[in-house]
N, C-alpha and C. Protein backbone atom coordinates (compact mmCIF):
# COMPACT_ATOMS: atom_id res chain seq x y z
N UNK A 1 -51.30 48.92 220.06
CA UNK A 1 -50.59 50.09 219.49
C UNK A 1 -51.36 49.97 218.02
N UNK A 2 -51.76 51.20 217.34
CA UNK A 2 -52.44 50.81 216.13
C UNK A 2 -51.70 50.75 214.89
N UNK A 3 -51.87 49.84 214.32
CA UNK A 3 -50.88 49.77 212.86
C UNK A 3 -51.26 50.59 211.72
N UNK A 4 -52.08 51.10 211.72
CA UNK A 4 -52.59 51.96 210.66
C UNK A 4 -51.61 53.56 210.65
N UNK A 5 -51.31 53.63 209.29
CA UNK A 5 -50.67 55.12 209.29
C UNK A 5 -51.54 56.19 209.55
N UNK A 6 -50.71 57.36 209.70
CA UNK A 6 -51.51 58.37 209.75
C UNK A 6 -51.78 59.01 208.42
N UNK A 7 -51.04 58.67 207.48
CA UNK A 7 -51.13 59.03 205.96
C UNK A 7 -52.38 57.91 205.33
N UNK A 8 -53.21 58.56 204.73
CA UNK A 8 -54.43 57.96 203.88
C UNK A 8 -54.17 58.33 202.56
N UNK A 9 -54.36 57.44 201.67
CA UNK A 9 -54.07 57.37 200.54
C UNK A 9 -55.63 56.98 199.58
N UNK A 10 -56.59 57.68 199.26
CA UNK A 10 -57.81 57.32 198.43
C UNK A 10 -57.23 56.77 196.92
N UNK A 11 -57.49 55.91 196.46
CA UNK A 11 -57.00 55.73 195.10
C UNK A 11 -57.80 54.14 194.58
N UNK A 12 -57.64 53.86 193.61
CA UNK A 12 -58.26 52.48 192.95
C UNK A 12 -56.94 52.03 192.07
N UNK A 13 -57.36 50.54 192.13
CA UNK A 13 -56.37 49.69 191.54
C UNK A 13 -55.76 50.26 190.35
N UNK A 14 -56.77 50.60 189.29
CA UNK A 14 -56.36 51.16 187.88
C UNK A 14 -56.12 52.18 187.70
N UNK A 15 -55.58 53.02 188.64
CA UNK A 15 -54.95 54.15 188.58
C UNK A 15 -53.30 54.54 188.45
N UNK A 16 -53.21 54.70 187.24
CA UNK A 16 -51.48 55.12 186.87
C UNK A 16 -50.81 55.77 188.00
N UNK A 17 -51.76 57.16 188.40
CA UNK A 17 -51.09 57.93 189.42
C UNK A 17 -50.81 57.43 190.43
N UNK A 18 -52.00 56.46 190.89
CA UNK A 18 -51.85 56.07 192.34
C UNK A 18 -50.69 55.13 192.47
N UNK A 19 -50.75 54.16 191.39
CA UNK A 19 -49.23 53.32 191.14
C UNK A 19 -48.06 53.81 191.47
N UNK A 20 -48.08 54.86 190.64
CA UNK A 20 -46.73 55.82 191.20
C UNK A 20 -46.37 56.26 192.53
N UNK A 21 -47.49 56.79 192.78
CA UNK A 21 -47.41 57.62 194.26
C UNK A 21 -47.06 56.34 195.20
N UNK A 22 -47.77 55.16 195.15
CA UNK A 22 -47.32 54.09 195.80
C UNK A 22 -45.88 53.98 195.79
N UNK A 23 -45.17 53.81 194.57
CA UNK A 23 -43.67 53.55 194.55
C UNK A 23 -43.03 54.60 195.30
N UNK A 24 -43.38 55.65 195.25
CA UNK A 24 -42.50 56.81 196.10
C UNK A 24 -42.62 56.40 197.47
N UNK A 25 -43.91 55.83 198.14
CA UNK A 25 -44.22 55.58 199.49
C UNK A 25 -42.99 54.28 199.83
N UNK A 26 -43.22 53.56 198.90
CA UNK A 26 -42.25 52.14 199.14
C UNK A 26 -40.76 52.60 198.90
N UNK A 27 -40.45 53.66 197.90
CA UNK A 27 -38.92 54.24 197.82
C UNK A 27 -38.47 54.83 199.18
N UNK A 28 -39.19 55.34 199.88
CA UNK A 28 -39.20 56.23 200.92
C UNK A 28 -39.40 55.23 202.34
N UNK A 29 -39.78 54.17 201.95
CA UNK A 29 -40.27 53.21 203.20
C UNK A 29 -40.97 54.03 204.32
N UNK A 30 -42.09 54.48 203.80
CA UNK A 30 -42.92 55.06 204.55
C UNK A 30 -44.56 54.47 204.46
N UNK A 31 -45.25 54.25 205.66
CA UNK A 31 -46.37 53.49 205.68
C UNK A 31 -47.27 54.30 205.55
N UNK A 32 -48.61 53.94 204.56
CA UNK A 32 -49.75 54.53 204.52
C UNK A 32 -50.71 53.53 204.45
N UNK A 33 -51.95 54.27 204.59
CA UNK A 33 -53.07 53.26 204.47
C UNK A 33 -53.63 53.98 203.08
N UNK A 34 -54.20 52.76 202.53
CA UNK A 34 -54.66 52.77 201.31
C UNK A 34 -56.05 52.51 201.25
N UNK A 35 -57.11 53.48 200.63
CA UNK A 35 -58.58 52.95 200.58
C UNK A 35 -58.82 53.16 198.92
N UNK A 36 -59.44 52.27 198.59
CA UNK A 36 -59.88 51.94 197.50
C UNK A 36 -61.14 52.54 197.12
N UNK A 37 -61.28 53.59 196.33
CA UNK A 37 -62.76 54.08 196.57
C UNK A 37 -63.91 53.71 195.63
N UNK A 38 -63.29 52.51 194.72
CA UNK A 38 -63.89 51.76 193.86
C UNK A 38 -64.80 50.72 194.69
N UNK A 39 -64.34 50.68 195.86
CA UNK A 39 -65.22 49.67 196.84
C UNK A 39 -65.43 50.06 198.18
N UNK A 40 -64.99 51.13 198.54
CA UNK A 40 -65.29 51.82 199.73
C UNK A 40 -65.95 53.16 199.73
N UNK A 41 -67.04 52.85 199.61
CA UNK A 41 -68.29 54.04 199.49
C UNK A 41 -67.99 55.13 200.44
N UNK A 42 -67.75 55.06 201.64
CA UNK A 42 -67.34 55.82 202.61
C UNK A 42 -66.11 56.76 202.18
N UNK A 43 -65.10 55.86 201.86
CA UNK A 43 -63.85 56.40 201.36
C UNK A 43 -64.14 57.27 200.05
N UNK A 44 -65.07 56.80 199.11
CA UNK A 44 -65.39 57.76 198.03
C UNK A 44 -65.81 58.92 198.45
N UNK A 45 -66.65 58.88 199.36
CA UNK A 45 -67.60 60.22 199.87
C UNK A 45 -66.33 60.99 200.51
N UNK A 46 -65.48 60.74 201.25
CA UNK A 46 -64.50 61.53 201.80
C UNK A 46 -63.84 62.33 200.62
N UNK A 47 -62.97 61.42 199.76
CA UNK A 47 -62.34 62.23 198.63
C UNK A 47 -63.36 62.91 198.03
N UNK A 48 -64.39 62.77 198.03
CA UNK A 48 -65.45 63.83 197.54
C UNK A 48 -65.67 65.27 197.91
N UNK A 49 -65.64 64.94 199.40
CA UNK A 49 -65.77 66.14 199.91
C UNK A 49 -64.75 66.90 200.12
N UNK A 50 -63.61 66.46 200.15
CA UNK A 50 -61.99 67.16 200.25
C UNK A 50 -61.84 67.84 198.87
N UNK A 51 -62.48 67.40 197.74
CA UNK A 51 -62.43 68.08 196.44
C UNK A 51 -63.67 68.91 195.70
N UNK A 52 -64.55 69.20 196.79
CA UNK A 52 -65.75 69.75 196.30
C UNK A 52 -66.35 69.31 195.30
N UNK A 53 -66.68 67.57 195.50
CA UNK A 53 -67.73 66.71 194.95
C UNK A 53 -66.86 66.50 193.65
N UNK A 54 -65.80 66.49 193.44
CA UNK A 54 -65.13 66.20 192.10
C UNK A 54 -63.83 65.34 192.40
N UNK A 55 -64.00 64.26 192.78
CA UNK A 55 -62.83 63.22 193.46
C UNK A 55 -61.96 63.06 192.25
N UNK A 56 -60.70 63.32 192.48
CA UNK A 56 -59.65 62.98 191.62
C UNK A 56 -58.78 62.34 192.37
N UNK A 57 -57.99 61.19 191.87
CA UNK A 57 -57.08 60.42 192.58
C UNK A 57 -55.62 60.48 191.91
N UNK A 58 -54.86 59.99 192.66
CA UNK A 58 -54.64 59.75 194.30
C UNK A 58 -54.91 60.68 195.01
N UNK A 59 -55.63 60.84 196.15
CA UNK A 59 -56.04 62.03 197.03
C UNK A 59 -55.20 61.41 198.48
N UNK A 60 -54.28 62.32 198.77
CA UNK A 60 -53.32 61.68 200.11
C UNK A 60 -53.32 62.80 200.78
N UNK A 61 -53.91 62.16 202.31
CA UNK A 61 -54.09 63.19 203.56
C UNK A 61 -53.18 62.84 204.42
N UNK A 62 -52.53 63.82 204.87
CA UNK A 62 -51.40 63.62 205.62
C UNK A 62 -51.71 63.83 207.28
N UNK A 63 -50.99 63.45 208.14
CA UNK A 63 -51.49 63.56 209.57
C UNK A 63 -51.73 65.06 210.05
N UNK A 64 -51.09 65.89 209.46
CA UNK A 64 -51.20 67.36 209.83
C UNK A 64 -52.62 67.85 209.10
N UNK A 65 -53.37 67.26 208.43
CA UNK A 65 -54.72 67.39 207.93
C UNK A 65 -54.50 67.91 206.45
N UNK A 66 -53.20 68.00 206.29
CA UNK A 66 -52.82 68.89 204.76
C UNK A 66 -53.39 67.61 203.62
N UNK A 67 -53.43 67.77 202.14
CA UNK A 67 -53.40 66.77 201.51
C UNK A 67 -52.94 67.21 200.06
N UNK A 68 -52.63 66.46 199.26
CA UNK A 68 -52.36 66.44 197.94
C UNK A 68 -53.27 65.56 197.09
N UNK A 69 -53.38 66.24 195.63
CA UNK A 69 -54.28 65.70 194.66
C UNK A 69 -53.50 65.51 193.71
N UNK A 70 -53.43 64.16 193.11
CA UNK A 70 -52.80 63.73 191.78
C UNK A 70 -51.11 64.57 192.05
N UNK A 71 -50.54 64.08 193.13
CA UNK A 71 -49.15 64.87 192.99
C UNK A 71 -48.02 64.36 192.05
N UNK A 72 -47.34 65.25 191.80
CA UNK A 72 -46.18 64.64 191.03
C UNK A 72 -45.20 63.74 191.92
N UNK A 73 -44.02 63.09 191.55
CA UNK A 73 -43.54 62.26 192.41
C UNK A 73 -42.54 63.27 193.03
N UNK A 74 -42.22 64.39 192.37
CA UNK A 74 -41.39 65.48 193.51
C UNK A 74 -42.17 66.20 194.40
N UNK A 75 -43.46 66.49 194.24
CA UNK A 75 -44.24 67.07 195.09
C UNK A 75 -44.56 66.16 196.25
N UNK A 76 -44.68 64.89 196.13
CA UNK A 76 -44.87 63.91 197.25
C UNK A 76 -43.78 63.79 198.26
N UNK A 77 -42.55 63.58 197.16
CA UNK A 77 -41.24 63.26 197.96
C UNK A 77 -41.15 64.32 198.66
N UNK A 78 -41.11 65.68 198.60
CA UNK A 78 -40.89 67.09 199.34
C UNK A 78 -41.90 66.93 200.42
N UNK A 79 -43.14 66.51 200.35
CA UNK A 79 -44.44 66.76 201.36
C UNK A 79 -43.74 65.49 202.31
N UNK A 80 -43.46 64.50 201.99
CA UNK A 80 -42.93 63.19 203.02
C UNK A 80 -41.90 63.46 203.52
N UNK A 81 -40.80 64.38 202.73
CA UNK A 81 -39.60 64.55 203.65
C UNK A 81 -39.83 65.57 204.72
N UNK A 82 -40.61 66.28 204.42
CA UNK A 82 -40.96 67.53 205.28
C UNK A 82 -41.87 67.16 206.69
N UNK A 83 -42.17 66.06 206.47
CA UNK A 83 -43.13 65.53 207.81
C UNK A 83 -42.05 65.19 208.81
């Protein structure tokens, strides 16, 4: 069985919004796969493509194909609760 989550968060280690979003995942005990776009060129290109060449982080892609860009805690919590 694949251990990877269907939720992928494109982020960096230094991003305050990314750290905040990770806390929401932890609080709700939801697994996700994190891709650091500072070190993963393919991940950077994916985030760039999602956002019309202007990547902002975090970019969170859900199993249904939808995504959130720089969500607030409330937006992210609402989306996670709706899955």
